[in-house]
N, C-alpha and C. Protein backbone atom coordinates (compact mmCIF):
# COMPACT_ATOMS: atom_id res chain seq x y z
N MET A 1 19.30 -16.68 7.16
CA MET A 1 18.35 -15.61 6.95
C MET A 1 16.93 -16.04 7.27
N ALA A 2 16.66 -17.30 7.28
CA ALA A 2 15.30 -17.79 7.45
C ALA A 2 14.76 -17.54 8.85
N ASN A 3 15.62 -17.34 9.84
CA ASN A 3 15.14 -17.20 11.20
C ASN A 3 14.39 -15.90 11.46
N PHE A 4 14.45 -14.93 10.58
CA PHE A 4 13.72 -13.69 10.82
C PHE A 4 12.75 -13.37 9.70
N THR A 5 12.66 -14.18 8.69
CA THR A 5 11.82 -13.89 7.54
C THR A 5 10.36 -13.73 7.95
N ASN A 6 9.90 -14.51 8.90
CA ASN A 6 8.50 -14.47 9.29
C ASN A 6 8.24 -13.57 10.50
N ASN A 7 9.23 -12.90 11.00
CA ASN A 7 9.05 -12.03 12.15
C ASN A 7 8.49 -10.70 11.66
N ARG A 8 7.19 -10.54 11.75
CA ARG A 8 6.52 -9.35 11.21
C ARG A 8 7.00 -8.06 11.87
N GLU A 9 7.21 -8.10 13.16
CA GLU A 9 7.65 -6.89 13.86
C GLU A 9 9.01 -6.44 13.33
N PHE A 10 9.94 -7.37 13.20
CA PHE A 10 11.25 -7.01 12.68
C PHE A 10 11.14 -6.49 11.25
N LEU A 11 10.40 -7.19 10.41
CA LEU A 11 10.26 -6.77 9.01
C LEU A 11 9.65 -5.38 8.92
N SER A 12 8.67 -5.11 9.75
CA SER A 12 8.05 -3.79 9.76
C SER A 12 9.06 -2.71 10.15
N GLU A 13 9.85 -2.98 11.17
CA GLU A 13 10.88 -2.03 11.59
C GLU A 13 11.95 -1.85 10.51
N PHE A 14 12.34 -2.94 9.87
CA PHE A 14 13.36 -2.88 8.82
C PHE A 14 12.86 -2.07 7.63
N ILE A 15 11.61 -2.30 7.23
CA ILE A 15 11.03 -1.56 6.11
C ILE A 15 10.89 -0.08 6.46
N ASP A 16 10.46 0.23 7.68
CA ASP A 16 10.36 1.63 8.10
C ASP A 16 11.71 2.32 8.05
N LEU A 17 12.74 1.65 8.53
CA LEU A 17 14.09 2.22 8.49
C LEU A 17 14.52 2.44 7.04
N TYR A 18 14.26 1.47 6.19
CA TYR A 18 14.60 1.57 4.76
C TYR A 18 13.91 2.78 4.13
N ARG A 19 12.65 2.98 4.45
CA ARG A 19 11.90 4.13 3.92
C ARG A 19 12.50 5.46 4.39
N GLN A 20 13.06 5.48 5.56
CA GLN A 20 13.64 6.71 6.11
C GLN A 20 15.00 7.04 5.51
N LEU A 21 15.52 6.17 4.66
CA LEU A 21 16.86 6.35 4.09
C LEU A 21 16.79 6.47 2.57
N PRO A 22 16.35 7.63 2.05
CA PRO A 22 16.23 7.79 0.59
C PRO A 22 17.57 7.70 -0.13
N GLU A 23 18.67 7.85 0.59
CA GLU A 23 19.99 7.73 -0.04
C GLU A 23 20.26 6.31 -0.52
N VAL A 24 19.40 5.37 -0.15
CA VAL A 24 19.55 3.98 -0.57
C VAL A 24 18.62 3.65 -1.74
N TRP A 25 17.45 4.29 -1.81
CA TRP A 25 16.46 3.87 -2.80
C TRP A 25 15.93 4.95 -3.73
N LYS A 26 16.04 6.22 -3.40
CA LYS A 26 15.43 7.29 -4.20
C LYS A 26 16.44 7.78 -5.24
N VAL A 27 16.43 7.16 -6.41
CA VAL A 27 17.45 7.35 -7.43
C VAL A 27 17.53 8.80 -7.92
N LYS A 28 16.42 9.50 -7.99
CA LYS A 28 16.42 10.87 -8.51
C LYS A 28 16.78 11.91 -7.45
N SER A 29 17.09 11.47 -6.27
CA SER A 29 17.44 12.37 -5.17
C SER A 29 18.93 12.71 -5.20
N ASP A 30 19.27 13.91 -4.73
CA ASP A 30 20.67 14.31 -4.63
C ASP A 30 21.42 13.47 -3.60
N VAL A 31 20.73 13.09 -2.52
CA VAL A 31 21.39 12.31 -1.48
C VAL A 31 21.74 10.91 -1.97
N TYR A 32 21.01 10.41 -2.96
CA TYR A 32 21.31 9.09 -3.52
C TYR A 32 22.69 9.09 -4.18
N LYS A 33 23.06 10.21 -4.75
CA LYS A 33 24.33 10.32 -5.47
C LYS A 33 25.54 10.47 -4.55
N ASN A 34 25.29 10.76 -3.28
CA ASN A 34 26.36 10.95 -2.31
C ASN A 34 26.76 9.59 -1.71
N ARG A 35 27.91 9.10 -2.10
CA ARG A 35 28.35 7.77 -1.64
C ARG A 35 28.52 7.69 -0.13
N ASN A 36 29.02 8.76 0.46
CA ASN A 36 29.23 8.73 1.92
C ASN A 36 27.91 8.55 2.65
N LEU A 37 26.88 9.28 2.22
CA LEU A 37 25.56 9.13 2.85
C LEU A 37 25.00 7.74 2.59
N GLY A 38 25.22 7.23 1.39
CA GLY A 38 24.76 5.88 1.06
C GLY A 38 25.42 4.83 1.93
N ASN A 39 26.72 4.97 2.13
CA ASN A 39 27.45 4.02 2.98
C ASN A 39 26.96 4.08 4.42
N LEU A 40 26.71 5.30 4.92
CA LEU A 40 26.19 5.44 6.29
C LEU A 40 24.80 4.81 6.41
N ALA A 41 23.98 5.00 5.38
CA ALA A 41 22.64 4.42 5.40
C ALA A 41 22.71 2.90 5.41
N TYR A 42 23.59 2.34 4.59
CA TYR A 42 23.73 0.88 4.59
C TYR A 42 24.24 0.38 5.94
N GLU A 43 25.10 1.14 6.59
CA GLU A 43 25.58 0.74 7.92
C GLU A 43 24.42 0.67 8.91
N LYS A 44 23.48 1.62 8.82
CA LYS A 44 22.30 1.60 9.70
C LYS A 44 21.47 0.34 9.43
N LEU A 45 21.29 0.03 8.16
CA LEU A 45 20.51 -1.16 7.80
C LEU A 45 21.22 -2.44 8.25
N ILE A 46 22.53 -2.46 8.13
CA ILE A 46 23.30 -3.63 8.58
C ILE A 46 23.15 -3.81 10.09
N GLU A 47 23.24 -2.71 10.84
CA GLU A 47 23.09 -2.80 12.29
C GLU A 47 21.71 -3.32 12.67
N LYS A 48 20.68 -2.87 11.95
CA LYS A 48 19.33 -3.35 12.21
C LYS A 48 19.23 -4.84 11.94
N LEU A 49 19.78 -5.27 10.82
CA LEU A 49 19.72 -6.68 10.45
C LEU A 49 20.52 -7.55 11.42
N LYS A 50 21.56 -6.99 12.00
CA LYS A 50 22.38 -7.75 12.96
C LYS A 50 21.60 -8.09 14.23
N GLU A 51 20.47 -7.41 14.46
CA GLU A 51 19.64 -7.74 15.62
C GLU A 51 19.14 -9.18 15.55
N VAL A 52 18.93 -9.66 14.33
CA VAL A 52 18.41 -11.02 14.16
C VAL A 52 19.37 -11.93 13.40
N GLU A 53 20.34 -11.35 12.74
CA GLU A 53 21.32 -12.12 11.96
C GLU A 53 22.71 -11.56 12.25
N PRO A 54 23.40 -12.12 13.24
CA PRO A 54 24.69 -11.57 13.69
C PRO A 54 25.76 -11.45 12.59
N ASN A 55 25.66 -12.25 11.55
CA ASN A 55 26.66 -12.22 10.47
C ASN A 55 26.29 -11.27 9.35
N ALA A 56 25.33 -10.40 9.56
CA ALA A 56 24.82 -9.54 8.49
C ALA A 56 25.93 -8.66 7.92
N ASP A 57 25.87 -8.48 6.60
CA ASP A 57 26.77 -7.58 5.91
C ASP A 57 25.99 -6.86 4.81
N ARG A 58 26.67 -6.02 4.06
CA ARG A 58 26.01 -5.22 3.03
C ARG A 58 25.34 -6.10 1.98
N GLN A 59 25.99 -7.16 1.59
CA GLN A 59 25.43 -8.06 0.59
C GLN A 59 24.12 -8.68 1.09
N MET A 60 24.09 -9.06 2.35
CA MET A 60 22.90 -9.66 2.92
C MET A 60 21.75 -8.65 2.99
N VAL A 61 22.07 -7.40 3.32
CA VAL A 61 21.06 -6.34 3.36
C VAL A 61 20.49 -6.13 1.96
N ARG A 62 21.35 -6.04 0.98
CA ARG A 62 20.88 -5.84 -0.40
C ARG A 62 20.00 -7.00 -0.86
N LYS A 63 20.37 -8.21 -0.48
CA LYS A 63 19.58 -9.38 -0.85
C LYS A 63 18.21 -9.32 -0.17
N LYS A 64 18.18 -8.95 1.11
CA LYS A 64 16.92 -8.87 1.84
C LYS A 64 16.01 -7.82 1.23
N ILE A 65 16.57 -6.67 0.89
CA ILE A 65 15.78 -5.61 0.26
C ILE A 65 15.22 -6.10 -1.07
N ASN A 66 16.03 -6.78 -1.85
CA ASN A 66 15.58 -7.30 -3.14
C ASN A 66 14.45 -8.32 -2.97
N VAL A 67 14.57 -9.18 -1.98
CA VAL A 67 13.52 -10.17 -1.71
C VAL A 67 12.22 -9.47 -1.33
N LEU A 68 12.30 -8.46 -0.48
CA LEU A 68 11.10 -7.73 -0.06
C LEU A 68 10.46 -7.00 -1.23
N ARG A 69 11.28 -6.36 -2.06
CA ARG A 69 10.75 -5.64 -3.22
C ARG A 69 10.10 -6.60 -4.21
N SER A 70 10.71 -7.74 -4.43
CA SER A 70 10.15 -8.74 -5.35
C SER A 70 8.81 -9.26 -4.84
N ALA A 71 8.74 -9.55 -3.55
CA ALA A 71 7.49 -10.04 -2.97
C ALA A 71 6.40 -8.98 -3.08
N TYR A 72 6.76 -7.72 -2.84
CA TYR A 72 5.78 -6.63 -2.95
C TYR A 72 5.25 -6.54 -4.38
N ARG A 73 6.16 -6.55 -5.36
CA ARG A 73 5.73 -6.46 -6.76
C ARG A 73 4.86 -7.65 -7.16
N ARG A 74 5.20 -8.83 -6.69
CA ARG A 74 4.43 -10.03 -7.00
C ARG A 74 3.01 -9.91 -6.43
N GLU A 75 2.88 -9.46 -5.19
CA GLU A 75 1.56 -9.29 -4.58
C GLU A 75 0.77 -8.18 -5.26
N LEU A 76 1.44 -7.11 -5.63
CA LEU A 76 0.78 -6.01 -6.34
C LEU A 76 0.24 -6.49 -7.68
N LYS A 77 1.02 -7.29 -8.35
CA LYS A 77 0.61 -7.84 -9.65
C LYS A 77 -0.62 -8.74 -9.48
N LYS A 78 -0.63 -9.55 -8.42
CA LYS A 78 -1.79 -10.41 -8.15
C LYS A 78 -3.04 -9.58 -7.91
N SER A 79 -2.91 -8.54 -7.09
CA SER A 79 -4.08 -7.74 -6.76
C SER A 79 -4.57 -6.95 -7.98
N ASN A 80 -3.67 -6.54 -8.85
CA ASN A 80 -4.08 -5.83 -10.06
C ASN A 80 -4.81 -6.75 -11.03
N ARG A 81 -4.45 -8.02 -11.05
CA ARG A 81 -5.14 -8.99 -11.91
C ARG A 81 -6.57 -9.22 -11.44
N LYS A 82 -6.79 -9.14 -10.14
CA LYS A 82 -8.13 -9.37 -9.59
C LYS A 82 -9.08 -8.23 -9.91
N LEU A 83 -8.54 -7.05 -10.15
CA LEU A 83 -9.39 -5.89 -10.45
C LEU A 83 -9.82 -5.98 -11.85
């Protein structure tokens, strides 16, 4: 996974794709509750991740999303402390 962690262009594209798929992250949405749509959304994310990690699977996508979310929250917390 380390070979694409610092690739800003890929990360930007991956995050944009993730944002376009509320069935993966928007818990209060009706589409989130639809498993078929969720599975299709994860397949899109897996295909995107396979561009840089040929062995990508659902578990790897979930881990990558969790890492990105954790980093975002950590940086947000730092910036809030400075204010």
